[in-house]
Amino acid sequence: MHHKFHFPHGFHDHDDDRRATGGRGPFGRPLWGERGERPDRHGPGHRGGPFGRGRFFDNGVLRLVVLALIAEQPRHGYEIIKEIEERTGGAYAPSAGVIYPTLTLLEETGQIEVMSAEGNKKLYAATDAGRATVEENRAAIDAVLARFAEAGSDRRPERDPRLIRAVENLRLALRLKTQSAALTPAQIDALAELLDDTARKIEQI
């Protein structure tokens, strides 16, 4: 049986939904955090907004997002972390301590399966049940992903492709130069001076 999330405003259930379901989501865990607290009710000192010290979204929604990303294409755990970070423009990146238990739970409930494994690296794919859960919750997923995109656009100004290319070229050149062989003291001095001079010139533009 598949159950449906209901997140009409932001990512929270209504009180009547919580009473009807015991506050638990489709994977048998609280929708409003592990202790049942609502994420929009915080004590003194809480930093407001989705990117403050408070939880970006609670665990039930995170499980749904992770499942949706895996349903898009098979992914490793670290790829999911990176994908969420990129979609939010760096505003939020779940920790490995959050993602991997989530993957374990999704696997145990038959929503995902291990497609391949190399040592501890597992590639996860959605099962038929998982894809059905995603489709049943499509509206909620789209709302979360839209919030991601909004957060990313707020934090990530448009960058000219020429600047992106130039920065990547500089990073590559530095990596190749510093990793190819041991640099002499004279080379290190010259490289540091060049970088410092370049930084000063950029600041003056």
N, C-alpha and C. Protein backbone atom coordinates (compact mmCIF):
# COMPACT_ATOMS: atom_id res chain seq x y z
N MET A 1 0.85 -1.20 0.00
CA MET A 1 0.00 0.00 0.00
C MET A 1 0.88 1.24 0.00
N HIS A 2 0.51 2.22 -0.77
CA HIS A 2 1.25 3.46 -0.82
C HIS A 2 0.45 4.54 -0.13
N HIS A 3 1.15 5.39 0.61
CA HIS A 3 0.50 6.47 1.32
C HIS A 3 0.95 7.79 0.72
N LYS A 4 0.16 8.79 0.97
CA LYS A 4 0.44 10.07 0.35
C LYS A 4 0.84 11.11 1.37
N PHE A 5 1.84 11.93 1.05
CA PHE A 5 2.17 13.09 1.86
C PHE A 5 1.16 14.18 1.56
N HIS A 6 0.96 15.09 2.51
CA HIS A 6 0.13 16.26 2.27
C HIS A 6 0.88 17.46 2.83
N PHE A 7 1.40 18.30 1.98
CA PHE A 7 2.15 19.47 2.41
C PHE A 7 1.57 20.70 1.73
N PRO A 8 0.42 21.20 2.16
CA PRO A 8 -0.25 22.28 1.45
C PRO A 8 0.42 23.63 1.56
N HIS A 9 1.09 23.90 2.67
CA HIS A 9 1.73 25.20 2.84
C HIS A 9 3.18 24.95 3.21
N GLY A 10 4.10 25.24 2.30
CA GLY A 10 5.49 24.91 2.57
C GLY A 10 5.64 23.41 2.55
N PHE A 11 6.08 22.84 3.70
CA PHE A 11 6.28 21.41 3.75
C PHE A 11 5.68 20.80 5.01
N HIS A 12 4.60 21.40 5.53
CA HIS A 12 4.04 20.91 6.78
C HIS A 12 2.65 20.32 6.55
N ASP A 13 2.33 19.28 7.30
CA ASP A 13 0.98 18.75 7.29
C ASP A 13 0.06 19.65 8.11
N HIS A 14 -1.25 19.60 7.82
CA HIS A 14 -2.21 20.26 8.67
C HIS A 14 -2.37 19.45 9.96
N ASP A 15 -2.91 20.10 11.00
CA ASP A 15 -3.11 19.41 12.27
C ASP A 15 -4.05 18.23 12.12
N ASP A 16 -5.09 18.36 11.28
CA ASP A 16 -6.03 17.25 11.14
C ASP A 16 -5.37 16.07 10.45
N ASP A 17 -4.40 16.33 9.54
CA ASP A 17 -3.66 15.23 8.91
C ASP A 17 -2.84 14.50 9.95
N ARG A 18 -2.23 15.26 10.85
CA ARG A 18 -1.38 14.64 11.86
C ARG A 18 -2.21 13.80 12.82
N ARG A 19 -3.38 14.30 13.20
CA ARG A 19 -4.23 13.52 14.09
C ARG A 19 -4.69 12.23 13.42
N ALA A 20 -4.98 12.32 12.13
CA ALA A 20 -5.51 11.16 11.41
C ALA A 20 -4.45 10.09 11.22
N THR A 21 -3.19 10.50 11.07
CA THR A 21 -2.13 9.53 10.75
C THR A 21 -1.21 9.28 11.92
N GLY A 22 -1.45 9.95 13.05
CA GLY A 22 -0.52 9.81 14.16
C GLY A 22 0.75 10.58 13.91
N GLY A 23 0.72 11.50 12.94
CA GLY A 23 1.90 12.31 12.64
C GLY A 23 2.98 11.54 11.94
N ARG A 24 2.62 10.46 11.26
CA ARG A 24 3.63 9.63 10.64
C ARG A 24 3.47 9.63 9.13
N GLY A 25 4.61 9.59 8.45
CA GLY A 25 4.61 9.63 7.00
C GLY A 25 4.53 8.24 6.40
N PRO A 26 4.71 8.15 5.08
CA PRO A 26 4.52 6.88 4.38
C PRO A 26 5.57 5.85 4.69
N PHE A 27 6.68 6.27 5.33
CA PHE A 27 7.73 5.31 5.63
C PHE A 27 7.77 5.00 7.12
N GLY A 28 6.68 5.32 7.84
CA GLY A 28 6.57 4.92 9.23
C GLY A 28 7.33 5.78 10.19
N ARG A 29 7.74 6.98 9.81
CA ARG A 29 8.44 7.89 10.70
C ARG A 29 7.67 9.19 10.80
N PRO A 30 7.91 9.99 11.87
CA PRO A 30 7.16 11.23 12.02
C PRO A 30 7.40 12.18 10.87
N LEU A 31 6.32 12.82 10.43
CA LEU A 31 6.45 13.84 9.38
C LEU A 31 7.05 15.11 9.93
N TRP A 32 6.86 15.34 11.24
CA TRP A 32 7.26 16.63 11.82
C TRP A 32 8.49 16.49 12.68
N GLY A 33 9.43 15.64 12.31
CA GLY A 33 10.65 15.49 13.09
C GLY A 33 10.55 14.26 13.98
N GLU A 34 11.68 13.83 14.50
CA GLU A 34 11.73 12.58 15.24
C GLU A 34 10.94 12.65 16.54
N ARG A 35 10.76 13.84 17.12
CA ARG A 35 10.01 13.95 18.37
C ARG A 35 8.60 14.46 18.13
N GLY A 36 8.21 14.58 16.85
CA GLY A 36 6.87 15.01 16.54
C GLY A 36 6.68 16.51 16.56
N GLU A 37 7.78 17.29 16.70
CA GLU A 37 7.62 18.72 16.76
C GLU A 37 7.39 19.30 15.38
N ARG A 38 6.59 20.34 15.29
CA ARG A 38 6.39 21.00 14.01
C ARG A 38 7.60 21.85 13.71
N PRO A 39 8.10 21.84 12.47
CA PRO A 39 9.28 22.62 12.14
C PRO A 39 9.02 24.10 12.12
N ASP A 40 7.75 24.54 12.15
CA ASP A 40 7.49 25.97 12.15
C ASP A 40 7.24 26.47 13.57
N ARG A 41 7.54 25.64 14.56
CA ARG A 41 7.40 26.07 15.95
C ARG A 41 8.74 25.92 16.62
N HIS A 42 9.42 27.04 16.83
CA HIS A 42 10.77 27.00 17.37
C HIS A 42 10.83 27.85 18.63
N GLY A 43 11.77 27.53 19.46
CA GLY A 43 11.94 28.27 20.69
C GLY A 43 12.74 29.54 20.47
N PRO A 44 13.07 30.23 21.57
CA PRO A 44 13.84 31.46 21.47
C PRO A 44 15.18 31.22 20.83
N GLY A 45 15.62 32.20 20.09
CA GLY A 45 16.94 32.12 19.47
C GLY A 45 16.97 31.43 18.14
N HIS A 46 15.82 30.92 17.69
CA HIS A 46 15.81 30.25 16.39
C HIS A 46 15.99 31.27 15.28
N ARG A 47 16.82 30.94 14.33
CA ARG A 47 17.00 31.79 13.16
C ARG A 47 15.94 31.43 12.14
N GLY A 48 15.12 32.39 11.80
CA GLY A 48 14.01 32.12 10.89
C GLY A 48 14.47 31.86 9.49
N GLY A 49 13.51 31.40 8.67
CA GLY A 49 13.81 31.15 7.27
C GLY A 49 14.30 29.74 7.04
N PRO A 50 14.23 29.29 5.81
CA PRO A 50 14.56 27.90 5.52
C PRO A 50 16.04 27.59 5.59
N PHE A 51 16.90 28.62 5.64
CA PHE A 51 18.33 28.34 5.61
C PHE A 51 19.02 28.81 6.88
N GLY A 52 18.27 29.02 7.95
CA GLY A 52 18.87 29.37 9.21
C GLY A 52 19.36 28.11 9.92
N ARG A 53 19.42 28.20 11.24
CA ARG A 53 19.91 27.05 12.01
C ARG A 53 18.87 25.94 12.07
N GLY A 54 17.62 26.29 11.83
CA GLY A 54 16.56 25.29 11.87
C GLY A 54 16.68 24.30 10.73
N ARG A 55 15.97 23.21 10.88
CA ARG A 55 15.98 22.16 9.86
C ARG A 55 15.41 22.68 8.55
N PHE A 56 16.09 22.40 7.44
CA PHE A 56 15.61 22.88 6.13
C PHE A 56 14.24 22.29 5.83
N PHE A 57 14.09 21.01 6.05
CA PHE A 57 12.78 20.36 6.02
C PHE A 57 12.89 19.11 6.87
N ASP A 58 11.78 18.58 7.32
CA ASP A 58 11.88 17.46 8.24
C ASP A 58 12.08 16.14 7.51
N ASN A 59 12.27 15.10 8.30
CA ASN A 59 12.79 13.85 7.75
C ASN A 59 11.86 13.18 6.74
N GLY A 60 10.55 13.30 6.95
CA GLY A 60 9.63 12.69 6.00
C GLY A 60 9.76 13.28 4.62
N VAL A 61 9.94 14.60 4.55
CA VAL A 61 10.09 15.26 3.26
C VAL A 61 11.44 14.92 2.64
N LEU A 62 12.48 14.85 3.46
CA LEU A 62 13.79 14.48 2.94
C LEU A 62 13.75 13.10 2.30
N ARG A 63 13.08 12.17 2.94
CA ARG A 63 12.98 10.83 2.36
C ARG A 63 12.29 10.87 1.00
N LEU A 64 11.28 11.70 0.90
CA LEU A 64 10.55 11.81 -0.37
C LEU A 64 11.43 12.43 -1.45
N VAL A 65 12.21 13.45 -1.08
CA VAL A 65 13.11 14.09 -2.04
C VAL A 65 14.18 13.11 -2.51
N VAL A 66 14.78 12.39 -1.57
CA VAL A 66 15.81 11.41 -1.93
C VAL A 66 15.24 10.36 -2.87
N LEU A 67 14.05 9.87 -2.56
CA LEU A 67 13.41 8.87 -3.42
C LEU A 67 13.16 9.44 -4.81
N ALA A 68 12.71 10.68 -4.89
CA ALA A 68 12.44 11.30 -6.19
C ALA A 68 13.72 11.45 -7.01
N LEU A 69 14.82 11.83 -6.36
CA LEU A 69 16.08 11.98 -7.09
C LEU A 69 16.57 10.64 -7.62
N ILE A 70 16.39 9.59 -6.83
CA ILE A 70 16.81 8.26 -7.29
C ILE A 70 15.89 7.77 -8.40
N ALA A 71 14.62 8.15 -8.35
CA ALA A 71 13.69 7.76 -9.41
C ALA A 71 14.05 8.44 -10.73
N GLU A 72 14.65 9.64 -10.66
CA GLU A 72 15.10 10.33 -11.87
C GLU A 72 16.18 9.52 -12.57
N GLN A 73 17.13 9.02 -11.78
CA GLN A 73 18.23 8.20 -12.30
C GLN A 73 18.91 7.54 -11.12
N PRO A 74 19.53 6.37 -11.32
CA PRO A 74 20.24 5.71 -10.22
C PRO A 74 21.35 6.62 -9.69
N ARG A 75 21.52 6.63 -8.38
CA ARG A 75 22.50 7.53 -7.77
C ARG A 75 23.17 6.85 -6.58
N HIS A 76 24.42 7.29 -6.32
CA HIS A 76 25.12 6.95 -5.09
C HIS A 76 24.71 7.96 -4.02
N GLY A 77 25.00 7.63 -2.77
CA GLY A 77 24.66 8.53 -1.68
C GLY A 77 25.31 9.89 -1.82
N TYR A 78 26.62 9.91 -2.14
CA TYR A 78 27.31 11.19 -2.24
C TYR A 78 26.78 12.03 -3.40
N GLU A 79 26.28 11.35 -4.45
CA GLU A 79 25.69 12.08 -5.57
C GLU A 79 24.40 12.78 -5.16
N ILE A 80 23.66 12.16 -4.27
CA ILE A 80 22.42 12.77 -3.78
C ILE A 80 22.75 14.01 -2.96
N ILE A 81 23.75 13.91 -2.10
CA ILE A 81 24.17 15.07 -1.31
C ILE A 81 24.56 16.22 -2.23
N LYS A 82 25.37 15.92 -3.24
CA LYS A 82 25.83 16.94 -4.18
C LYS A 82 24.67 17.52 -4.98
N GLU A 83 23.74 16.68 -5.39
CA GLU A 83 22.61 17.14 -6.20
C GLU A 83 21.74 18.11 -5.41
N ILE A 84 21.46 17.79 -4.16
CA ILE A 84 20.65 18.69 -3.33
C ILE A 84 21.39 20.00 -3.10
N GLU A 85 22.69 19.91 -2.85
CA GLU A 85 23.48 21.13 -2.65
C GLU A 85 23.46 22.01 -3.89
N GLU A 86 23.60 21.40 -5.06
CA GLU A 86 23.60 22.17 -6.30
C GLU A 86 22.23 22.78 -6.58
N ARG A 87 21.18 22.02 -6.32
CA ARG A 87 19.83 22.53 -6.61
C ARG A 87 19.43 23.67 -5.69
N THR A 88 20.04 23.72 -4.50
CA THR A 88 19.75 24.82 -3.58
C THR A 88 20.80 25.92 -3.67
N GLY A 89 21.67 25.84 -4.65
CA GLY A 89 22.70 26.87 -4.79
C GLY A 89 23.65 26.92 -3.62
N GLY A 90 23.86 25.78 -2.97
CA GLY A 90 24.75 25.72 -1.82
C GLY A 90 24.08 26.11 -0.52
N ALA A 91 22.78 26.40 -0.55
CA ALA A 91 22.08 26.83 0.67
C ALA A 91 21.91 25.67 1.65
N TYR A 92 21.84 24.45 1.14
CA TYR A 92 21.63 23.31 2.02
C TYR A 92 22.29 22.08 1.42
N ALA A 93 23.03 21.37 2.24
CA ALA A 93 23.62 20.09 1.84
C ALA A 93 23.44 19.11 2.99
N PRO A 94 22.63 18.09 2.82
CA PRO A 94 22.43 17.13 3.90
C PRO A 94 23.72 16.39 4.20
N SER A 95 23.92 16.04 5.44
CA SER A 95 25.14 15.34 5.82
C SER A 95 25.03 13.86 5.47
N ALA A 96 26.19 13.21 5.42
CA ALA A 96 26.21 11.77 5.17
C ALA A 96 25.47 11.03 6.28
N GLY A 97 25.53 11.57 7.51
CA GLY A 97 24.84 10.97 8.63
C GLY A 97 23.33 11.04 8.54
N VAL A 98 22.83 11.86 7.63
CA VAL A 98 21.40 11.94 7.39
C VAL A 98 21.02 11.13 6.15
N ILE A 99 21.81 11.25 5.10
CA ILE A 99 21.48 10.61 3.82
C ILE A 99 21.55 9.09 3.89
N TYR A 100 22.63 8.55 4.47
CA TYR A 100 22.79 7.09 4.41
C TYR A 100 21.76 6.33 5.25
N PRO A 101 21.39 6.81 6.44
CA PRO A 101 20.27 6.16 7.13
C PRO A 101 18.96 6.27 6.35
N THR A 102 18.78 7.38 5.65
CA THR A 102 17.58 7.55 4.82
C THR A 102 17.57 6.51 3.70
N LEU A 103 18.71 6.29 3.07
CA LEU A 103 18.80 5.29 2.02
C LEU A 103 18.52 3.89 2.57
N THR A 104 19.05 3.61 3.75
CA THR A 104 18.79 2.31 4.38
C THR A 104 17.31 2.11 4.63
N LEU A 105 16.64 3.14 5.14
CA LEU A 105 15.21 3.04 5.40
C LEU A 105 14.42 2.83 4.11
N LEU A 106 14.77 3.58 3.07
CA LEU A 106 14.08 3.43 1.79
C LEU A 106 14.28 2.03 1.22
N GLU A 107 15.48 1.49 1.41
CA GLU A 107 15.74 0.13 0.92
C GLU A 107 14.94 -0.89 1.74
N GLU A 108 14.92 -0.72 3.05
CA GLU A 108 14.20 -1.66 3.91
C GLU A 108 12.70 -1.66 3.64
N THR A 109 12.16 -0.52 3.22
CA THR A 109 10.73 -0.42 2.95
C THR A 109 10.39 -0.73 1.50
N GLY A 110 11.40 -1.17 0.73
CA GLY A 110 11.14 -1.60 -0.64
C GLY A 110 10.96 -0.49 -1.65
N GLN A 111 11.38 0.74 -1.29
CA GLN A 111 11.23 1.87 -2.20
C GLN A 111 12.40 1.97 -3.18
N ILE A 112 13.58 1.52 -2.74
CA ILE A 112 14.77 1.52 -3.60
C ILE A 112 15.48 0.19 -3.43
N GLU A 113 16.41 -0.08 -4.35
CA GLU A 113 17.21 -1.30 -4.27
C GLU A 113 18.62 -0.98 -4.73
N VAL A 114 19.56 -1.81 -4.31
CA VAL A 114 20.95 -1.63 -4.72
C VAL A 114 21.11 -2.19 -6.13
N MET A 115 21.50 -1.32 -7.05
CA MET A 115 21.65 -1.72 -8.45
C MET A 115 23.03 -2.35 -8.67
N SER A 116 24.04 -1.79 -8.01
CA SER A 116 25.39 -2.34 -8.07
C SER A 116 26.15 -1.83 -6.86
N ALA A 117 27.24 -2.52 -6.53
CA ALA A 117 28.03 -2.14 -5.37
C ALA A 117 29.50 -2.42 -5.63
N GLU A 118 30.33 -1.46 -5.22
CA GLU A 118 31.78 -1.63 -5.27
C GLU A 118 32.30 -1.29 -3.88
N GLY A 119 32.60 -2.31 -3.10
CA GLY A 119 32.98 -2.07 -1.72
C GLY A 119 31.80 -1.48 -0.96
N ASN A 120 32.03 -0.31 -0.34
CA ASN A 120 30.96 0.36 0.39
C ASN A 120 30.16 1.30 -0.49
N LYS A 121 30.53 1.45 -1.75
CA LYS A 121 29.82 2.35 -2.66
C LYS A 121 28.66 1.60 -3.31
N LYS A 122 27.45 2.04 -3.00
CA LYS A 122 26.26 1.40 -3.54
C LYS A 122 25.53 2.35 -4.49
N LEU A 123 25.14 1.81 -5.63
CA LEU A 123 24.35 2.58 -6.59
C LEU A 123 22.89 2.16 -6.41
N TYR A 124 22.06 3.13 -6.06
CA TYR A 124 20.65 2.85 -5.76
C TYR A 124 19.75 3.19 -6.94
N ALA A 125 18.73 2.35 -7.14
CA ALA A 125 17.71 2.60 -8.15
C ALA A 125 16.34 2.46 -7.49
N ALA A 126 15.36 3.16 -8.03
CA ALA A 126 14.00 3.08 -7.49
C ALA A 126 13.34 1.78 -7.93
N THR A 127 12.57 1.19 -7.05
CA THR A 127 11.76 0.02 -7.39
C THR A 127 10.44 0.48 -7.99
N ASP A 128 9.64 -0.46 -8.46
CA ASP A 128 8.31 -0.11 -8.96
C ASP A 128 7.49 0.55 -7.85
N ALA A 129 7.63 0.04 -6.63
CA ALA A 129 6.90 0.63 -5.50
C ALA A 129 7.38 2.05 -5.24
N GLY A 130 8.70 2.26 -5.35
CA GLY A 130 9.24 3.60 -5.14
C GLY A 130 8.77 4.58 -6.18
N ARG A 131 8.75 4.15 -7.43
CA ARG A 131 8.28 5.04 -8.51
C ARG A 131 6.79 5.36 -8.33
N ALA A 132 6.04 4.39 -7.85
CA ALA A 132 4.62 4.64 -7.59
C ALA A 132 4.44 5.66 -6.48
N THR A 133 5.27 5.56 -5.45
CA THR A 133 5.21 6.54 -4.35
C THR A 133 5.53 7.94 -4.86
N VAL A 134 6.52 8.03 -5.73
CA VAL A 134 6.88 9.34 -6.31
C VAL A 134 5.71 9.91 -7.09
N GLU A 135 5.08 9.10 -7.90
CA GLU A 135 3.96 9.60 -8.71
C GLU A 135 2.79 10.01 -7.83
N GLU A 136 2.54 9.27 -6.77
CA GLU A 136 1.45 9.61 -5.86
C GLU A 136 1.70 10.94 -5.16
N ASN A 137 2.97 11.29 -5.01
CA ASN A 137 3.34 12.51 -4.28
C ASN A 137 3.97 13.55 -5.20
N ARG A 138 3.64 13.49 -6.49
CA ARG A 138 4.26 14.36 -7.47
C ARG A 138 4.10 15.84 -7.14
N ALA A 139 2.92 16.24 -6.70
CA ALA A 139 2.68 17.66 -6.40
C ALA A 139 3.58 18.14 -5.26
N ALA A 140 3.70 17.32 -4.22
CA ALA A 140 4.56 17.69 -3.09
C ALA A 140 6.02 17.75 -3.51
N ILE A 141 6.44 16.79 -4.33
CA ILE A 141 7.83 16.78 -4.80
C ILE A 141 8.12 18.01 -5.64
N ASP A 142 7.23 18.33 -6.55
CA ASP A 142 7.43 19.50 -7.41
C ASP A 142 7.51 20.77 -6.57
N ALA A 143 6.73 20.84 -5.50
CA ALA A 143 6.77 22.02 -4.63
C ALA A 143 8.12 22.15 -3.94
N VAL A 144 8.65 21.01 -3.47
CA VAL A 144 9.96 21.03 -2.81
C VAL A 144 11.06 21.41 -3.80
N LEU A 145 11.04 20.81 -4.98
CA LEU A 145 12.07 21.10 -5.98
C LEU A 145 11.98 22.55 -6.46
N ALA A 146 10.76 23.09 -6.51
CA ALA A 146 10.61 24.50 -6.87
C ALA A 146 11.22 25.38 -5.79
N ARG A 147 11.05 24.98 -4.54
CA ARG A 147 11.67 25.71 -3.43
C ARG A 147 13.19 25.64 -3.54
N PHE A 148 13.70 24.48 -3.90
CA PHE A 148 15.14 24.35 -4.13
C PHE A 148 15.61 25.35 -5.18
N ALA A 149 14.91 25.36 -6.32
CA ALA A 149 15.31 26.24 -7.43
C ALA A 149 15.25 27.70 -7.02
N GLU A 150 14.23 28.05 -6.25
CA GLU A 150 14.10 29.43 -5.79
C GLU A 150 15.24 29.80 -4.86
N ALA A 151 15.58 28.88 -3.96
CA ALA A 151 16.69 29.13 -3.04
C ALA A 151 17.99 29.28 -3.81
N GLY A 152 18.19 28.41 -4.81
CA GLY A 152 19.41 28.48 -5.60
C GLY A 152 19.53 29.77 -6.38
N SER A 153 18.43 30.23 -6.96
CA SER A 153 18.48 31.46 -7.76
C SER A 153 18.70 32.67 -6.87
N ASP A 154 18.20 32.62 -5.62
CA ASP A 154 18.40 33.73 -4.70
C ASP A 154 19.86 33.85 -4.29
N ARG A 155 20.54 32.73 -4.18
CA ARG A 155 21.92 32.74 -3.69
C ARG A 155 22.95 32.72 -4.80
N ARG A 156 22.54 32.39 -6.00
CA ARG A 156 23.51 32.18 -7.07
C ARG A 156 23.24 33.15 -8.21
N PRO A 157 23.93 34.30 -8.24
CA PRO A 157 23.73 35.25 -9.34
C PRO A 157 24.22 34.66 -10.66
N GLU A 158 23.65 35.15 -11.73
CA GLU A 158 24.06 34.68 -13.05
C GLU A 158 25.53 35.01 -13.30
N ARG A 159 26.28 34.05 -13.79
CA ARG A 159 27.70 34.26 -14.09
C ARG A 159 27.92 34.07 -15.58
N ASP A 160 28.72 34.97 -16.12
CA ASP A 160 29.04 34.89 -17.53
C ASP A 160 29.82 33.60 -17.80
N PRO A 161 29.47 32.85 -18.84
CA PRO A 161 30.18 31.60 -19.15
C PRO A 161 31.67 31.80 -19.35
N ARG A 162 32.06 32.99 -19.82
CA ARG A 162 33.49 33.25 -20.02
C ARG A 162 34.23 33.28 -18.69
N LEU A 163 33.58 33.84 -17.66
CA LEU A 163 34.21 33.86 -16.34
C LEU A 163 34.28 32.46 -15.74
N ILE A 164 33.22 31.69 -15.93
CA ILE A 164 33.22 30.32 -15.43
C ILE A 164 34.36 29.52 -16.06
N ARG A 165 34.51 29.67 -17.39
CA ARG A 165 35.58 28.96 -18.09
C ARG A 165 36.95 29.39 -17.59
N ALA A 166 37.14 30.71 -17.39
CA ALA A 166 38.43 31.22 -16.95
C ALA A 166 38.79 30.71 -15.56
N VAL A 167 37.81 30.71 -14.66
CA VAL A 167 38.05 30.23 -13.30
C VAL A 167 38.39 28.74 -13.31
N GLU A 168 37.66 27.97 -14.10
CA GLU A 168 37.93 26.53 -14.17
C GLU A 168 39.31 26.26 -14.77
N ASN A 169 39.69 27.06 -15.76
CA ASN A 169 41.03 26.91 -16.34
C ASN A 169 42.11 27.18 -15.31
N LEU A 170 41.89 28.22 -14.49
CA LEU A 170 42.86 28.55 -13.45
C LEU A 170 42.96 27.42 -12.42
N ARG A 171 41.83 26.90 -12.01
CA ARG A 171 41.84 25.80 -11.04
C ARG A 171 42.57 24.59 -11.59
N LEU A 172 42.30 24.27 -12.86
CA LEU A 172 42.95 23.11 -13.47
C LEU A 172 44.45 23.31 -13.57
N ALA A 173 44.86 24.51 -13.99
CA ALA A 173 46.28 24.80 -14.13
C ALA A 173 47.00 24.69 -12.79
N LEU A 174 46.37 25.22 -11.74
CA LEU A 174 46.97 25.14 -10.41
C LEU A 174 47.07 23.70 -9.93
N ARG A 175 46.01 22.94 -10.15
CA ARG A 175 46.01 21.55 -9.70
C ARG A 175 47.09 20.75 -10.43
N LEU A 176 47.18 20.92 -11.73
CA LEU A 176 48.19 20.19 -12.50
C LEU A 176 49.60 20.60 -12.09
N LYS A 177 49.79 21.89 -11.86
CA LYS A 177 51.12 22.38 -11.52
C LYS A 177 51.57 21.91 -10.15
N THR A 178 50.64 21.91 -9.20
CA THR A 178 51.01 21.57 -7.82
C THR A 178 51.03 20.07 -7.56
N GLN A 179 50.38 19.28 -8.41
CA GLN A 179 50.32 17.84 -8.17
C GLN A 179 51.24 17.03 -9.08
N SER A 180 51.70 17.64 -10.16
CA SER A 180 52.51 16.88 -11.12
C SER A 180 53.88 16.52 -10.58
N ALA A 181 54.49 17.44 -9.85
CA ALA A 181 55.83 17.19 -9.32
C ALA A 181 56.08 18.18 -8.18
N ALA A 182 57.10 17.87 -7.39
CA ALA A 182 57.45 18.76 -6.28
C ALA A 182 57.99 20.07 -6.84
N LEU A 183 57.47 21.18 -6.34
CA LEU A 183 57.92 22.49 -6.80
C LEU A 183 59.14 22.92 -6.00
N THR A 184 60.02 23.63 -6.67
CA THR A 184 61.19 24.19 -5.99
C THR A 184 60.75 25.42 -5.21
N PRO A 185 61.53 25.84 -4.23
CA PRO A 185 61.19 27.07 -3.49
C PRO A 185 61.02 28.27 -4.41
N ALA A 186 61.84 28.36 -5.45
CA ALA A 186 61.74 29.48 -6.38
C ALA A 186 60.42 29.44 -7.15
N GLN A 187 60.01 28.24 -7.55
CA GLN A 187 58.74 28.10 -8.27
C GLN A 187 57.55 28.45 -7.37
N ILE A 188 57.63 28.02 -6.12
CA ILE A 188 56.55 28.34 -5.18
C ILE A 188 56.44 29.84 -4.98
N ASP A 189 57.59 30.51 -4.81
CA ASP A 189 57.59 31.96 -4.64
C ASP A 189 56.99 32.65 -5.86
N ALA A 190 57.39 32.19 -7.05
CA ALA A 190 56.91 32.81 -8.28
C ALA A 190 55.40 32.60 -8.44
N LEU A 191 54.94 31.41 -8.12
CA LEU A 191 53.52 31.10 -8.25
C LEU A 191 52.69 31.91 -7.26
N ALA A 192 53.16 32.00 -6.02
CA ALA A 192 52.45 32.78 -5.00
C ALA A 192 52.40 34.25 -5.38
N GLU A 193 53.51 34.77 -5.90
CA GLU A 193 53.55 36.18 -6.30
C GLU A 193 52.59 36.44 -7.46
N LEU A 194 52.55 35.52 -8.41
CA LEU A 194 51.64 35.67 -9.55
C LEU A 194 50.18 35.67 -9.11
N LEU A 195 49.83 34.75 -8.21
CA LEU A 195 48.46 34.67 -7.73
C LEU A 195 48.07 35.91 -6.92
N ASP A 196 48.99 36.37 -6.08
CA ASP A 196 48.72 37.58 -5.30
C ASP A 196 48.53 38.79 -6.21
N ASP A 197 49.38 38.88 -7.23
CA ASP A 197 49.29 40.01 -8.16
C ASP A 197 47.98 39.95 -8.95
N THR A 198 47.59 38.74 -9.35
CA THR A 198 46.32 38.58 -10.07
C THR A 198 45.14 38.98 -9.20
N ALA A 199 45.17 38.58 -7.93
CA ALA A 199 44.09 38.93 -7.01
C ALA A 199 43.99 40.44 -6.85
N ARG A 200 45.12 41.10 -6.73
CA ARG A 200 45.11 42.57 -6.59
C ARG A 200 44.52 43.23 -7.83
N LYS A 201 44.88 42.73 -9.00
CA LYS A 201 44.37 43.32 -10.24
C LYS A 201 42.86 43.11 -10.37
N ILE A 202 42.39 41.94 -9.95
CA ILE A 202 40.95 41.68 -10.00
C ILE A 202 40.20 42.65 -9.10
N GLU A 203 40.75 42.90 -7.90
CA GLU A 203 40.10 43.82 -6.96
C GLU A 203 40.03 45.24 -7.52
N GLN A 204 40.98 45.60 -8.38
CA GLN A 204 41.03 46.97 -8.92
C GLN A 204 40.11 47.18 -10.11
N ILE A 205 39.57 46.12 -10.67
CA ILE A 205 38.70 46.26 -11.85
C ILE A 205 37.38 46.92 -11.46
